[in-house]
Every structure is written in C-alpha cells, then in structure tokens.
Amino acid sequence: MRDPRLTALIQRASRRFPRGLGGEEIHGIDLVLLDEVIAGVASHYDRNSRPVTAEHDATILKAIDDLDRVWPDLPTDEAREYFADQRNIASYLLGPRADNTRPARAQPPE
C-alpha cells in the first residue's frame, strides 16, 4: 500500500528542474545529482511501500546536509522552491530521525 503523504510530496515536487541549474555545482555539490539521490530513495520507498533502510538513512541525511549547505546560495526563487520540496521529501523519509537542529537561515521553509 502506497504512502499517500509521500505520494503527495512527490507529486508536488514533480515540477521541472530549475532552468539553468543543470550541470551546476554549489560548494562542490552537483545539484542534479542531489536531486536524483532524493528522488531515487523516495521512488524506492514509494514503489516498495516500506521504510527506508539504514543505508538510505545515511544517504538522505547527507542529502539534507548538502541541501542545507547550498540553500543560501541558490540563485532564484524557482530553485529555492524546488529544493524546498526536495528537502521536505527527504525529511519525511527520515521521519523522527530527521535532524531539525540546523540554523534557520540554512533551512528551506517546511
């Protein structure tokens, strides 16, 4: 049985990758790869209707850290909205294991 909350988050995040960011890196973080990592774990979870694994946890925690690092330097509102959706998916996948203690300036809005 699919998780309706995750499905809704994925649908919201299904908008087009922000123009001009393909192939771009911020602080050495490839934005396309970051997007693909989150989408891959979310897709796996959604298809298999089961919790993410410990390996997925580590991958998603790193993705959240990377998102928080690039967040202040995203060049457009479109990019910030897109990656806020990606962070919401990542945080949802971790559930209560998500680290929400990062500085507010580095976090996209929930």
PDB file of N, CA and C in Angstrom:
ATOM      1  N   MET A   1       0.839  -1.178   0.000  1.00  0.00           N
ATOM      2  CA  MET A   1       0.000   0.000   0.000  1.00  0.00           C
ATOM      3  C   MET A   1       0.888   1.248   0.000  1.00  0.00           C
ATOM      4  N   ARG A   2       0.661   2.114  -0.929  1.00  0.00           N
ATOM      5  CA  ARG A   2       1.470   3.331  -1.038  1.00  0.00           C
ATOM      6  C   ARG A   2       1.140   4.313   0.073  1.00  0.00           C
ATOM      7  N   ASP A   3       2.128   5.112   0.407  1.00  0.00           N
ATOM      8  CA  ASP A   3       2.005   6.126   1.439  1.00  0.00           C
ATOM      9  C   ASP A   3       1.434   7.389   0.775  1.00  0.00           C
ATOM     10  N   PRO A   4       0.182   7.752   1.089  1.00  0.00           N
ATOM     11  CA  PRO A   4      -0.436   8.893   0.411  1.00  0.00           C
ATOM     12  C   PRO A   4       0.287  10.218   0.670  1.00  0.00           C
ATOM     13  N   ARG A   5       0.854  10.387   1.837  1.00  0.00           N
ATOM     14  CA  ARG A   5       1.588  11.629   2.149  1.00  0.00           C
ATOM     15  C   ARG A   5       2.830  11.739   1.270  1.00  0.00           C
ATOM     16  N   LEU A   6       3.582  10.646   1.156  1.00  0.00           N
ATOM     17  CA  LEU A   6       4.774  10.662   0.309  1.00  0.00           C
ATOM     18  C   LEU A   6       4.381  10.873  -1.148  1.00  0.00           C
ATOM     19  N   THR A   7       3.333  10.209  -1.581  1.00  0.00           N
ATOM     20  CA  THR A   7       2.867  10.380  -2.963  1.00  0.00           C
ATOM     21  C   THR A   7       2.531  11.846  -3.237  1.00  0.00           C
ATOM     22  N   ALA A   8       1.875  12.502  -2.286  1.00  0.00           N
ATOM     23  CA  ALA A   8       1.534  13.919  -2.451  1.00  0.00           C
ATOM     24  C   ALA A   8       2.793  14.785  -2.507  1.00  0.00           C
ATOM     25  N   LEU A   9       3.777  14.481  -1.660  1.00  0.00           N
ATOM     26  CA  LEU A   9       5.024  15.243  -1.680  1.00  0.00           C
ATOM     27  C   LEU A   9       5.755  15.063  -3.011  1.00  0.00           C
ATOM     28  N   ILE A  10       5.770  13.834  -3.515  1.00  0.00           N
ATOM     29  CA  ILE A  10       6.432  13.561  -4.793  1.00  0.00           C
ATOM     30  C   ILE A  10       5.712  14.288  -5.924  1.00  0.00           C
ATOM     31  N   GLN A  11       4.400  14.269  -5.904  1.00  0.00           N
ATOM     32  CA  GLN A  11       3.642  14.962  -6.950  1.00  0.00           C
ATOM     33  C   GLN A  11       3.913  16.463  -6.915  1.00  0.00           C
ATOM     34  N   ARG A  12       3.963  17.030  -5.723  1.00  0.00           N
ATOM     35  CA  ARG A  12       4.251  18.461  -5.597  1.00  0.00           C
ATOM     36  C   ARG A  12       5.648  18.771  -6.131  1.00  0.00           C
ATOM     37  N   ALA A  13       6.585  17.869  -5.886  1.00  0.00           N
ATOM     38  CA  ALA A  13       7.970  18.085  -6.296  1.00  0.00           C
ATOM     39  C   ALA A  13       8.229  17.708  -7.747  1.00  0.00           C
ATOM     40  N   SER A  14       7.216  17.271  -8.454  1.00  0.00           N
ATOM     41  CA  SER A  14       7.432  16.770  -9.809  1.00  0.00           C
ATOM     42  C   SER A  14       7.574  17.874 -10.856  1.00  0.00           C
ATOM     43  N   ARG A  15       7.603  19.102 -10.396  1.00  0.00           N
ATOM     44  CA  ARG A  15       7.792  20.190 -11.361  1.00  0.00           C
ATOM     45  C   ARG A  15       9.170  20.072 -12.009  1.00  0.00           C
ATOM     46  N   ARG A  16       9.345  20.787 -13.051  1.00  0.00           N
ATOM     47  CA  ARG A  16      10.571  20.734 -13.833  1.00  0.00           C
ATOM     48  C   ARG A  16      11.773  21.254 -13.036  1.00  0.00           C
ATOM     49  N   PHE A  17      12.917  20.574 -13.214  1.00  0.00           N
ATOM     50  CA  PHE A  17      14.160  21.010 -12.582  1.00  0.00           C
ATOM     51  C   PHE A  17      14.434  22.458 -13.012  1.00  0.00           C
ATOM     52  N   PRO A  18      14.847  23.308 -12.090  1.00  0.00           N
ATOM     53  CA  PRO A  18      15.024  24.730 -12.419  1.00  0.00           C
ATOM     54  C   PRO A  18      15.977  24.966 -13.601  1.00  0.00           C
ATOM     55  N   ARG A  19      15.523  25.776 -14.526  1.00  0.00           N
ATOM     56  CA  ARG A  19      16.327  26.119 -15.704  1.00  0.00           C
ATOM     57  C   ARG A  19      17.651  26.738 -15.293  1.00  0.00           C
ATOM     58  N   GLY A  20      18.673  26.381 -16.035  1.00  0.00           N
ATOM     59  CA  GLY A  20      19.983  26.971 -15.826  1.00  0.00           C
ATOM     60  C   GLY A  20      20.816  26.314 -14.747  1.00  0.00           C
ATOM     61  N   LEU A  21      20.233  25.339 -14.039  1.00  0.00           N
ATOM     62  CA  LEU A  21      20.997  24.694 -12.964  1.00  0.00           C
ATOM     63  C   LEU A  21      21.553  23.326 -13.351  1.00  0.00           C
ATOM     64  N   GLY A  22      21.181  22.824 -14.518  1.00  0.00           N
ATOM     65  CA  GLY A  22      21.727  21.546 -14.969  1.00  0.00           C
ATOM     66  C   GLY A  22      23.233  21.654 -15.118  1.00  0.00           C
ATOM     67  N   GLY A  23      23.955  20.753 -14.480  1.00  0.00           N
ATOM     68  CA  GLY A  23      25.413  20.773 -14.549  1.00  0.00           C
ATOM     69  C   GLY A  23      26.068  21.757 -13.586  1.00  0.00           C
ATOM     70  N   GLU A  24      25.277  22.482 -12.821  1.00  0.00           N
ATOM     71  CA  GLU A  24      25.821  23.453 -11.873  1.00  0.00           C
ATOM     72  C   GLU A  24      26.172  22.795 -10.542  1.00  0.00           C
ATOM     73  N   GLU A  25      27.195  23.344  -9.911  1.00  0.00           N
ATOM     74  CA  GLU A  25      27.590  22.937  -8.567  1.00  0.00           C
ATOM     75  C   GLU A  25      27.614  24.167  -7.679  1.00  0.00           C
ATOM     76  N   ILE A  26      27.207  23.953  -6.444  1.00  0.00           N
ATOM     77  CA  ILE A  26      27.345  24.984  -5.415  1.00  0.00           C
ATOM     78  C   ILE A  26      28.102  24.339  -4.271  1.00  0.00           C
ATOM     79  N   HIS A  27      29.197  24.952  -3.872  1.00  0.00           N
ATOM     80  CA  HIS A  27      30.052  24.402  -2.811  1.00  0.00           C
ATOM     81  C   HIS A  27      30.484  22.971  -3.140  1.00  0.00           C
ATOM     82  N   GLY A  28      30.704  22.697  -4.421  1.00  0.00           N
ATOM     83  CA  GLY A  28      31.146  21.373  -4.853  1.00  0.00           C
ATOM     84  C   GLY A  28      30.036  20.332  -4.879  1.00  0.00           C
ATOM     85  N   ILE A  29      28.794  20.743  -4.695  1.00  0.00           N
ATOM     86  CA  ILE A  29      27.651  19.821  -4.680  1.00  0.00           C
ATOM     87  C   ILE A  29      26.924  19.934  -6.012  1.00  0.00           C
ATOM     88  N   ASP A  30      26.865  18.837  -6.738  1.00  0.00           N
ATOM     89  CA  ASP A  30      26.183  18.780  -8.030  1.00  0.00           C
ATOM     90  C   ASP A  30      24.679  18.769  -7.770  1.00  0.00           C
ATOM     91  N   LEU A  31      23.988  19.793  -8.244  1.00  0.00           N
ATOM     92  CA  LEU A  31      22.566  19.941  -7.942  1.00  0.00           C
ATOM     93  C   LEU A  31      21.699  18.871  -8.607  1.00  0.00           C
ATOM     94  N   VAL A  32      22.059  18.441  -9.809  1.00  0.00           N
ATOM     95  CA  VAL A  32      21.302  17.381 -10.478  1.00  0.00           C
ATOM     96  C   VAL A  32      21.463  16.071  -9.711  1.00  0.00           C
ATOM     97  N   LEU A  33      22.685  15.755  -9.316  1.00  0.00           N
ATOM     98  CA  LEU A  33      22.925  14.523  -8.566  1.00  0.00           C
ATOM     99  C   LEU A  33      22.187  14.545  -7.231  1.00  0.00           C
ATOM    100  N   LEU A  34      22.200  15.682  -6.560  1.00  0.00           N
ATOM    101  CA  LEU A  34      21.482  15.825  -5.296  1.00  0.00           C
ATOM    102  C   LEU A  34      19.998  15.530  -5.488  1.00  0.00           C
ATOM    103  N   ASP A  35      19.420  16.102  -6.527  1.00  0.00           N
ATOM    104  CA  ASP A  35      18.015  15.866  -6.867  1.00  0.00           C
ATOM    105  C   ASP A  35      17.769  14.380  -7.141  1.00  0.00           C
ATOM    106  N   GLU A  36      18.651  13.756  -7.901  1.00  0.00           N
ATOM    107  CA  GLU A  36      18.484  12.342  -8.260  1.00  0.00           C
ATOM    108  C   GLU A  36      18.581  11.423  -7.049  1.00  0.00           C
ATOM    109  N   VAL A  37      19.446  11.749  -6.116  1.00  0.00           N
ATOM    110  CA  VAL A  37      19.597  10.931  -4.907  1.00  0.00           C
ATOM    111  C   VAL A  37      18.286  10.914  -4.121  1.00  0.00           C
ATOM    112  N   ILE A  38      17.716  12.081  -3.889  1.00  0.00           N
ATOM    113  CA  ILE A  38      16.470  12.168  -3.129  1.00  0.00           C
ATOM    114  C   ILE A  38      15.334  11.480  -3.888  1.00  0.00           C
ATOM    115  N   ALA A  39      15.233  11.761  -5.172  1.00  0.00           N
ATOM    116  CA  ALA A  39      14.179  11.139  -5.977  1.00  0.00           C
ATOM    117  C   ALA A  39      14.322   9.624  -6.008  1.00  0.00           C
ATOM    118  N   GLY A  40      15.542   9.127  -6.061  1.00  0.00           N
ATOM    119  CA  GLY A  40      15.765   7.683  -6.098  1.00  0.00           C
ATOM    120  C   GLY A  40      15.308   6.988  -4.831  1.00  0.00           C
ATOM    121  N   VAL A  41      15.667   7.533  -3.684  1.00  0.00           N
ATOM    122  CA  VAL A  41      15.249   6.922  -2.416  1.00  0.00           C
ATOM    123  C   VAL A  41      13.734   7.038  -2.261  1.00  0.00           C
ATOM    124  N   ALA A  42      13.176   8.192  -2.602  1.00  0.00           N
ATOM    125  CA  ALA A  42      11.720   8.380  -2.488  1.00  0.00           C
ATOM    126  C   ALA A  42      10.982   7.406  -3.403  1.00  0.00           C
ATOM    127  N   SER A  43      11.474   7.238  -4.604  1.00  0.00           N
ATOM    128  CA  SER A  43      10.849   6.320  -5.556  1.00  0.00           C
ATOM    129  C   SER A  43      10.913   4.881  -5.052  1.00  0.00           C
ATOM    130  N   HIS A  44      12.058   4.494  -4.510  1.00  0.00           N
ATOM    131  CA  HIS A  44      12.212   3.140  -3.957  1.00  0.00           C
ATOM    132  C   HIS A  44      11.195   2.914  -2.836  1.00  0.00           C
ATOM    133  N   TYR A  45      11.126   3.872  -1.924  1.00  0.00           N
ATOM    134  CA  TYR A  45      10.195   3.760  -0.814  1.00  0.00           C
ATOM    135  C   TYR A  45       8.757   3.699  -1.327  1.00  0.00           C
ATOM    136  N   ASP A  46       8.427   4.587  -2.256  1.00  0.00           N
ATOM    137  CA  ASP A  46       7.060   4.666  -2.769  1.00  0.00           C
ATOM    138  C   ASP A  46       6.674   3.375  -3.502  1.00  0.00           C
ATOM    139  N   ARG A  47       7.561   2.843  -4.311  1.00  0.00           N
ATOM    140  CA  ARG A  47       7.277   1.606  -5.062  1.00  0.00           C
ATOM    141  C   ARG A  47       7.139   0.391  -4.158  1.00  0.00           C
ATOM    142  N   ASN A  48       7.983   0.334  -3.142  1.00  0.00           N
ATOM    143  CA  ASN A  48       8.026  -0.854  -2.292  1.00  0.00           C
ATOM    144  C   ASN A  48       7.207  -0.741  -1.018  1.00  0.00           C
ATOM    145  N   SER A  49       6.677   0.435  -0.752  1.00  0.00           N
ATOM    146  CA  SER A  49       5.817   0.675   0.420  1.00  0.00           C
ATOM    147  C   SER A  49       6.426   0.147   1.709  1.00  0.00           C
ATOM    148  N   ARG A  50       7.676   0.458   1.902  1.00  0.00           N
ATOM    149  CA  ARG A  50       8.318   0.057   3.157  1.00  0.00           C
ATOM    150  C   ARG A  50       9.318   1.130   3.570  1.00  0.00           C
ATOM    151  N   PRO A  51       9.705   1.114   4.829  1.00  0.00           N
ATOM    152  CA  PRO A  51      10.620   2.148   5.315  1.00  0.00           C
ATOM    153  C   PRO A  51      11.965   2.099   4.593  1.00  0.00           C
ATOM    154  N   VAL A  52      12.613   3.238   4.581  1.00  0.00           N
ATOM    155  CA  VAL A  52      13.947   3.282   4.013  1.00  0.00           C
ATOM    156  C   VAL A  52      14.894   2.469   4.896  1.00  0.00           C
ATOM    157  N   THR A  53      15.959   1.976   4.299  1.00  0.00           N
ATOM    158  CA  THR A  53      16.941   1.170   5.021  1.00  0.00           C
ATOM    159  C   THR A  53      17.935   2.064   5.747  1.00  0.00           C
ATOM    160  N   ALA A  54      18.799   1.456   6.559  1.00  0.00           N
ATOM    161  CA  ALA A  54      19.847   2.219   7.242  1.00  0.00           C
ATOM    162  C   ALA A  54      20.760   2.889   6.208  1.00  0.00           C
ATOM    163  N   GLU A  55      21.017   2.207   5.113  1.00  0.00           N
ATOM    164  CA  GLU A  55      21.828   2.790   4.041  1.00  0.00           C
ATOM    165  C   GLU A  55      21.123   4.013   3.438  1.00  0.00           C
ATOM    166  N   HIS A  56      19.811   3.888   3.246  1.00  0.00           N
ATOM    167  CA  HIS A  56      19.039   5.022   2.741  1.00  0.00           C
ATOM    168  C   HIS A  56      19.067   6.175   3.746  1.00  0.00           C
ATOM    169  N   ASP A  57      18.968   5.845   5.029  1.00  0.00           N
ATOM    170  CA  ASP A  57      19.030   6.888   6.060  1.00  0.00           C
ATOM    171  C   ASP A  57      20.302   7.713   5.899  1.00  0.00           C
ATOM    172  N   ALA A  58      21.438   7.040   5.770  1.00  0.00           N
ATOM    173  CA  ALA A  58      22.722   7.738   5.639  1.00  0.00           C
ATOM    174  C   ALA A  58      22.747   8.594   4.373  1.00  0.00           C
ATOM    175  N   THR A  59      22.198   8.071   3.294  1.00  0.00           N
ATOM    176  CA  THR A  59      22.151   8.805   2.031  1.00  0.00           C
ATOM    177  C   THR A  59      21.281  10.048   2.161  1.00  0.00           C
ATOM    178  N   ILE A  60      20.121   9.889   2.778  1.00  0.00           N
ATOM    179  CA  ILE A  60      19.198  11.020   2.937  1.00  0.00           C
ATOM    180  C   ILE A  60      19.749  12.047   3.926  1.00  0.00           C
ATOM    181  N   LEU A  61      20.384  11.602   5.000  1.00  0.00           N
ATOM    182  CA  LEU A  61      20.992  12.554   5.933  1.00  0.00           C
ATOM    183  C   LEU A  61      22.046  13.407   5.232  1.00  0.00           C
ATOM    184  N   LYS A  62      22.864  12.778   4.398  1.00  0.00           N
ATOM    185  CA  LYS A  62      23.867  13.528   3.642  1.00  0.00           C
ATOM    186  C   LYS A  62      23.184  14.484   2.671  1.00  0.00           C
ATOM    187  N   ALA A  63      22.112  14.035   2.020  1.00  0.00           N
ATOM    188  CA  ALA A  63      21.397  14.907   1.085  1.00  0.00           C
ATOM    189  C   ALA A  63      20.824  16.124   1.804  1.00  0.00           C
ATOM    190  N   ILE A  64      20.267  15.926   2.992  1.00  0.00           N
ATOM    191  CA  ILE A  64      19.743  17.051   3.773  1.00  0.00           C
ATOM    192  C   ILE A  64      20.873  18.013   4.125  1.00  0.00           C
ATOM    193  N   ASP A  65      22.011  17.474   4.536  1.00  0.00           N
ATOM    194  CA  ASP A  65      23.158  18.323   4.850  1.00  0.00           C
ATOM    195  C   ASP A  65      23.585  19.120   3.611  1.00  0.00           C
ATOM    196  N   ASP A  66      23.647  18.444   2.465  1.00  0.00           N
ATOM    197  CA  ASP A  66      24.005  19.124   1.216  1.00  0.00           C
ATOM    198  C   ASP A  66      22.975  20.191   0.848  1.00  0.00           C
ATOM    199  N   LEU A  67      21.695  19.872   0.998  1.00  0.00           N
ATOM    200  CA  LEU A  67      20.643  20.857   0.714  1.00  0.00           C
ATOM    201  C   LEU A  67      20.806  22.093   1.592  1.00  0.00           C
ATOM    202  N   ASP A  68      21.082  21.875   2.857  1.00  0.00           N
ATOM    203  CA  ASP A  68      21.240  22.998   3.774  1.00  0.00           C
ATOM    204  C   ASP A  68      22.478  23.829   3.444  1.00  0.00           C
ATOM    205  N   ARG A  69      23.506  23.190   2.904  1.00  0.00           N
ATOM    206  CA  ARG A  69      24.717  23.924   2.511  1.00  0.00           C
ATOM    207  C   ARG A  69      24.476  24.782   1.275  1.00  0.00           C
ATOM    208  N   VAL A  70      23.734  24.255   0.297  1.00  0.00           N
ATOM    209  CA  VAL A  70      23.535  25.012  -0.941  1.00  0.00           C
ATOM    210  C   VAL A  70      22.404  26.030  -0.833  1.00  0.00           C
ATOM    211  N   TRP A  71      21.489  25.805   0.095  1.00  0.00           N
ATOM    212  CA  TRP A  71      20.281  26.633   0.207  1.00  0.00           C
ATOM    213  C   TRP A  71      20.539  28.136   0.149  1.00  0.00           C
ATOM    214  N   PRO A  72      21.463  28.669   0.952  1.00  0.00           N
ATOM    215  CA  PRO A  72      21.640  30.132   0.938  1.00  0.00           C
ATOM    216  C   PRO A  72      22.132  30.683  -0.402  1.00  0.00           C
ATOM    217  N   ASP A  73      22.718  29.833  -1.229  1.00  0.00           N
ATOM    218  CA  ASP A  73      23.305  30.299  -2.482  1.00  0.00           C
ATOM    219  C   ASP A  73      22.526  29.891  -3.729  1.00  0.00           C
ATOM    220  N   LEU A  74      21.333  29.339  -3.548  1.00  0.00           N
ATOM    221  CA  LEU A  74      20.501  29.029  -4.714  1.00  0.00           C
ATOM    222  C   LEU A  74      20.122  30.351  -5.376  1.00  0.00           C
ATOM    223  N   PRO A  75      20.248  30.427  -6.702  1.00  0.00           N
ATOM    224  CA  PRO A  75      20.164  31.724  -7.375  1.00  0.00           C
ATOM    225  C   PRO A  75      18.770  32.306  -7.606  1.00  0.00           C
ATOM    226  N   THR A  76      17.714  31.492  -7.530  1.00  0.00           N
ATOM    227  CA  THR A  76      16.383  32.011  -7.870  1.00  0.00           C
ATOM    228  C   THR A  76      15.328  31.485  -6.906  1.00  0.00           C
ATOM    229  N   ASP A  77      14.193  32.166  -6.891  1.00  0.00           N
ATOM    230  CA  ASP A  77      13.055  31.679  -6.099  1.00  0.00           C
ATOM    231  C   ASP A  77      12.612  30.308  -6.606  1.00  0.00           C
ATOM    232  N   GLU A  78      12.629  30.127  -7.926  1.00  0.00           N
ATOM    233  CA  GLU A  78      12.256  28.839  -8.510  1.00  0.00           C
ATOM    234  C   GLU A  78      13.136  27.719  -7.960  1.00  0.00           C
ATOM    235  N   ALA A  79      14.436  27.960  -7.883  1.00  0.00           N
ATOM    236  CA  ALA A  79      15.372  26.953  -7.361  1.00  0.00           C
ATOM    237  C   ALA A  79      15.113  26.693  -5.878  1.00  0.00           C
ATOM    238  N   ARG A  80      14.866  27.752  -5.123  1.00  0.00           N
ATOM    239  CA  ARG A  80      14.594  27.583  -3.684  1.00  0.00           C
ATOM    240  C   ARG A  80      13.304  26.796  -3.453  1.00  0.00           C
ATOM    241  N   GLU A  81      12.264  27.083  -4.232  1.00  0.00           N
ATOM    242  CA  GLU A  81      11.007  26.334  -4.099  1.00  0.00           C
ATOM    243  C   GLU A  81      11.218  24.862  -4.466  1.00  0.00           C
ATOM    244  N   TYR A  82      11.925  24.629  -5.537  1.00  0.00           N
ATOM    245  CA  TYR A  82      12.171  23.257  -5.997  1.00  0.00           C
ATOM    246  C   TYR A  82      12.926  22.459  -4.926  1.00  0.00           C
ATOM    247  N   PHE A  83      14.018  23.035  -4.425  1.00  0.00           N
ATOM    248  CA  PHE A  83      14.815  22.308  -3.447  1.00  0.00           C
ATOM    249  C   PHE A  83      14.172  22.273  -2.060  1.00  0.00           C
ATOM    250  N   ALA A  84      13.274  23.201  -1.764  1.00  0.00           N
ATOM    251  CA  ALA A  84      12.488  23.094  -0.525  1.00  0.00           C
ATOM    252  C   ALA A  84      11.598  21.853  -0.597  1.00  0.00           C
ATOM    253  N   ASP A  85      11.004  21.614  -1.771  1.00  0.00           N
ATOM    254  CA  ASP A  85      10.194  20.405  -1.944  1.00  0.00           C
ATOM    255  C   ASP A  85      11.047  19.151  -1.774  1.00  0.00           C
ATOM    256  N   GLN A  86      12.260  19.173  -2.326  1.00  0.00           N
ATOM    257  CA  GLN A  86      13.147  18.014  -2.193  1.00  0.00           C
ATOM    258  C   GLN A  86      13.520  17.785  -0.723  1.00  0.00           C
ATOM    259  N   ARG A  87      13.747  18.864  -0.003  1.00  0.00           N
ATOM    260  CA  ARG A  87      14.090  18.714   1.423  1.00  0.00           C
ATOM    261  C   ARG A  87      12.900  18.187   2.210  1.00  0.00           C
ATOM    262  N   ASN A  88      11.711  18.629   1.870  1.00  0.00           N
ATOM    263  CA  ASN A  88      10.521  18.114   2.549  1.00  0.00           C
ATOM    264  C   ASN A  88      10.381  16.611   2.342  1.00  0.00           C
ATOM    265  N   ILE A  89      10.658  16.145   1.137  1.00  0.00           N
ATOM    266  CA  ILE A  89      10.617  14.706   0.874  1.00  0.00           C
ATOM    267  C   ILE A  89      11.663  13.996   1.715  1.00  0.00           C
ATOM    268  N   ALA A  90      12.882  14.510   1.713  1.00  0.00           N
ATOM    269  CA  ALA A  90      13.965  13.875   2.471  1.00  0.00           C
ATOM    270  C   ALA A  90      13.632  13.826   3.960  1.00  0.00           C
ATOM    271  N   SER A  91      13.134  14.923   4.494  1.00  0.00           N
ATOM    272  CA  SER A  91      12.775  14.950   5.918  1.00  0.00           C
ATOM    273  C   SER A  91      11.644  13.977   6.225  1.00  0.00           C
ATOM    274  N   TYR A  92      10.680  13.889   5.334  1.00  0.00           N
ATOM    275  CA  TYR A  92       9.575  12.954   5.538  1.00  0.00           C
ATOM    276  C   TYR A  92      10.074  11.514   5.554  1.00  0.00           C
ATOM    277  N   LEU A  93      10.990  11.191   4.650  1.00  0.00           N
ATOM    278  CA  LEU A  93      11.522   9.827   4.596  1.00  0.00           C
ATOM    279  C   LEU A  93      12.226   9.447   5.891  1.00  0.00           C
ATOM    280  N   LEU A  94      12.880  10.397   6.528  1.00  0.00           N
ATOM    281  CA  LEU A  94      13.562  10.111   7.789  1.00  0.00           C
ATOM    282  C   LEU A  94      12.614  10.131   8.974  1.00  0.00           C
ATOM    283  N   GLY A  95      11.498  10.809   8.834  1.00  0.00           N
ATOM    284  CA  GLY A  95      10.549  10.884   9.940  1.00  0.00           C
ATOM    285  C   GLY A  95      11.194  11.503  11.160  1.00  0.00           C
ATOM    286  N   PRO A  96      10.980  10.898  12.324  1.00  0.00           N
ATOM    287  CA  PRO A  96      11.515  11.479  13.555  1.00  0.00           C
ATOM    288  C   PRO A  96      13.040  11.426  13.626  1.00  0.00           C
ATOM    289  N   ARG A  97      13.674  10.707  12.706  1.00  0.00           N
ATOM    290  CA  ARG A  97      15.137  10.648  12.703  1.00  0.00           C
ATOM    291  C   ARG A  97      15.762  11.878  12.061  1.00  0.00           C
ATOM    292  N   ALA A  98      14.950  12.718  11.440  1.00  0.00           N
ATOM    293  CA  ALA A  98      15.471  13.912  10.763  1.00  0.00           C
ATOM    294  C   ALA A  98      16.070  14.867  11.780  1.00  0.00           C
ATOM    295  N   ASP A  99      17.176  15.466  11.406  1.00  0.00           N
ATOM    296  CA  ASP A  99      17.837  16.437  12.275  1.00  0.00           C
ATOM    297  C   ASP A  99      17.303  17.813  11.933  1.00  0.00           C
ATOM    298  N   ASN A 100      16.492  18.350  12.812  1.00  0.00           N
ATOM    299  CA  ASN A 100      15.912  19.666  12.571  1.00  0.00           C
ATOM    300  C   ASN A 100      16.579  20.749  13.412  1.00  0.00           C
ATOM    301  N   THR A 101      17.837  20.529  13.781  1.00  0.00           N
ATOM    302  CA  THR A 101      18.517  21.490  14.645  1.00  0.00           C
ATOM    303  C   THR A 101      19.418  22.435  13.872  1.00  0.00           C
ATOM    304  N   ARG A 102      19.365  22.444  12.567  1.00  0.00           N
ATOM    305  CA  ARG A 102      20.217  23.313  11.768  1.00  0.00           C
ATOM    306  C   ARG A 102      19.752  24.761  11.912  1.00  0.00           C
ATOM    307  N   PRO A 103      20.643  25.690  11.679  1.00  0.00           N
ATOM    308  CA  PRO A 103      20.253  27.101  11.786  1.00  0.00           C
ATOM    309  C   PRO A 103      19.126  27.439  10.820  1.00  0.00           C
ATOM    310  N   ALA A 104      18.204  28.263  11.269  1.00  0.00           N
ATOM    311  CA  ALA A 104      17.033  28.606  10.459  1.00  0.00           C
ATOM    312  C   ALA A 104      17.431  29.228   9.122  1.00  0.00           C
ATOM    313  N   ARG A 105      18.492  30.005   9.061  1.00  0.00           N
ATOM    314  CA  ARG A 105      18.879  30.660   7.805  1.00  0.00           C
ATOM    315  C   ARG A 105      19.279  29.654   6.751  1.00  0.00           C
ATOM    316  N   ALA A 106      19.694  28.452   7.146  1.00  0.00           N
ATOM    317  CA  ALA A 106      20.167  27.456   6.195  1.00  0.00           C
ATOM    318  C   ALA A 106      19.061  26.504   5.781  1.00  0.00           C
ATOM    319  N   GLN A 107      17.903  26.608   6.389  1.00  0.00           N
ATOM    320  CA  GLN A 107      16.825  25.674   6.101  1.00  0.00           C
ATOM    321  C   GLN A 107      15.775  26.291   5.191  1.00  0.00           C
ATOM    322  N   PRO A 108      15.360  25.527   4.200  1.00  0.00           N
ATOM    323  CA  PRO A 108      14.218  25.995   3.410  1.00  0.00           C
ATOM    324  C   PRO A 108      12.952  25.906   4.252  1.00  0.00           C
ATOM    325  N   PRO A 109      11.941  26.665   3.894  1.00  0.00           N
ATOM    326  CA  PRO A 109      10.683  26.587   4.639  1.00  0.00           C
ATOM    327  C   PRO A 109      10.038  25.215   4.503  1.00  0.00           C
ATOM    328  N   GLU A 110       9.430  24.754   5.560  1.00  0.00           N
ATOM    329  CA  GLU A 110       8.750  23.448   5.555  1.00  0.00           C
ATOM    330  C   GLU A 110       7.349  23.619   5.014  1.00  0.00           C
TER     331      GLU A 110
END
